[in-house]
C-alpha atoms as a PDB file:
ATOM      1  CA  MET A   1     180.667 -70.435 -48.249  1.00  0.00           C
ATOM      2  CA  ALA A   2     183.042 -70.170 -45.324  1.00  0.00           C
ATOM      3  CA  THR A   3     184.179 -73.337 -43.641  1.00  0.00           C
ATOM      4  CA  HIS A   4     184.107 -73.731 -39.898  1.00  0.00           C
ATOM      5  CA  ASN A   5     186.719 -75.500 -37.825  1.00  0.00           C
ATOM      6  CA  CYS A   6     184.240 -76.225 -35.040  1.00  0.00           C
ATOM      7  CA  GLU A   7     184.352 -79.961 -35.705  1.00  0.00           C
ATOM      8  CA  ASN A   8     188.103 -80.055 -34.976  1.00  0.00           C
ATOM      9  CA  CYS A   9     188.233 -77.217 -32.442  1.00  0.00           C
ATOM     10  CA  GLY A  10     190.757 -77.748 -29.653  1.00  0.00           C
ATOM     11  CA  PHE A  11     188.636 -75.637 -27.348  1.00  0.00           C
ATOM     12  CA  ARG A  12     185.675 -77.959 -27.930  1.00  0.00           C
ATOM     13  CA  ALA A  13     187.958 -80.979 -27.364  1.00  0.00           C
ATOM     14  CA  LYS A  14     188.777 -79.575 -23.914  1.00  0.00           C
ATOM     15  CA  TYR A  15     185.065 -79.636 -23.096  1.00  0.00           C
ATOM     16  CA  ASP A  16     184.709 -83.182 -24.425  1.00  0.00           C
ATOM     17  CA  SER A  17     187.609 -84.452 -22.317  1.00  0.00           C
ATOM     18  CA  ALA A  18     186.903 -82.444 -19.146  1.00  0.00           C
ATOM     19  CA  PRO A  19     183.546 -80.619 -19.144  1.00  0.00           C
ATOM     20  CA  LYS A  20     183.964 -79.326 -15.601  1.00  0.00           C
ATOM     21  CA  SER A  21     187.407 -77.846 -16.205  1.00  0.00           C
ATOM     22  CA  PHE A  22     187.759 -74.093 -16.529  1.00  0.00           C
ATOM     23  CA  LEU A  23     188.384 -74.284 -20.294  1.00  0.00           C
ATOM     24  CA  GLY A  24     185.550 -76.765 -20.736  1.00  0.00           C
ATOM     25  CA  ARG A  25     183.089 -74.502 -18.959  1.00  0.00           C
ATOM     26  CA  LEU A  26     184.419 -71.512 -20.896  1.00  0.00           C
ATOM     27  CA  TRP A  27     183.798 -73.282 -24.223  1.00  0.00           C
ATOM     28  CA  ARG A  28     180.276 -74.222 -23.156  1.00  0.00           C
ATOM     29  CA  TRP A  29     179.524 -70.599 -22.264  1.00  0.00           C
ATOM     30  CA  HIS A  30     181.139 -69.447 -25.515  1.00  0.00           C
ATOM     31  CA  ALA A  31     179.039 -71.861 -27.604  1.00  0.00           C
ATOM     32  CA  ASN A  32     175.849 -70.066 -26.516  1.00  0.00           C
ATOM     33  CA  TRP A  33     176.681 -66.895 -28.418  1.00  0.00           C
ATOM     34  CA  CYS A  34     179.487 -67.742 -30.868  1.00  0.00           C
ATOM     35  CA  PRO A  35     178.434 -66.811 -34.437  1.00  0.00           C
ATOM     36  CA  GLY A  36     180.811 -69.417 -35.898  1.00  0.00           C
ATOM     37  CA  TRP A  37     179.289 -72.214 -33.786  1.00  0.00           C
ATOM     38  CA  LYS A  38     175.784 -71.057 -34.730  1.00  0.00           C
ATOM     39  CA  ALA A  39     176.646 -71.151 -38.429  1.00  0.00           C
ATOM     40  CA  TYR A  40     178.297 -74.554 -38.040  1.00  0.00           C
ATOM     41  CA  ILE A  41     175.544 -76.248 -36.072  1.00  0.00           C
ATOM     42  CA  THR A  42     172.718 -74.837 -38.207  1.00  0.00           C
ATOM     43  CA  SER A  43     174.491 -76.042 -41.367  1.00  0.00           C
ATOM     44  CA  LEU A  44     174.396 -79.663 -40.145  1.00  0.00           C
ATOM     45  CA  PRO A  45     171.652 -82.115 -41.146  1.00  0.00           C
ATOM     46  CA  GLY A  46     168.783 -82.256 -38.654  1.00  0.00           C
ATOM     47  CA  ASP A  47     169.691 -85.505 -36.917  1.00  0.00           C
ATOM     48  CA  GLU A  48     173.354 -84.521 -36.449  1.00  0.00           C
ATOM     49  CA  ARG A  49     172.382 -81.037 -35.231  1.00  0.00           C
ATOM     50  CA  ILE A  50     169.945 -82.478 -32.699  1.00  0.00           C
ATOM     51  CA  ARG A  51     172.535 -85.009 -31.495  1.00  0.00           C
ATOM     52  CA  LEU A  52     175.104 -82.260 -30.874  1.00  0.00           C
ATOM     53  CA  ALA A  53     172.520 -79.985 -29.252  1.00  0.00           C
ATOM     54  CA  GLU A  54     171.575 -82.743 -26.823  1.00  0.00           C
ATOM     55  CA  LYS A  55     175.205 -83.658 -26.149  1.00  0.00           C
ATOM     56  CA  TYR A  56     176.097 -80.075 -25.249  1.00  0.00           C
ATOM     57  CA  GLY A  57     172.759 -79.072 -23.689  1.00  0.00           C
ATOM     58  CA  LEU A  58     172.061 -76.376 -26.278  1.00  0.00           C
ATOM     59  CA  THR A  59     168.268 -76.334 -26.313  1.00  0.00           C
ATOM     60  CA  LYS A  60     167.917 -73.568 -28.895  1.00  0.00           C
ATOM     61  CA  TYR A  61     169.365 -75.850 -31.602  1.00  0.00           C
ATOM     62  CA  ARG A  62     167.168 -78.876 -30.908  1.00  0.00           C
ATOM     63  CA  SER A  63     164.281 -77.813 -33.120  1.00  0.00           C
ATOM     64  CA  LEU A  64     164.162 -76.445 -36.648  1.00  0.00           C
ATOM     65  CA  GLU A  65     163.174 -72.840 -37.012  1.00  0.00           C
END
């Protein structure tokens, strides 16, 4: 299984520190379609996945499929 660096991603850290910055908004847009982020967030336990989905406003990851 491939490991994902999404937890320690510098790009994601830019969003966390300044969500309205250009790089922060770019990461947020990128997270909607990134296959690596999708694999990472769907591999998390339900409560952690839901917490991240709510934090980043990613509604498609809030419920189990």
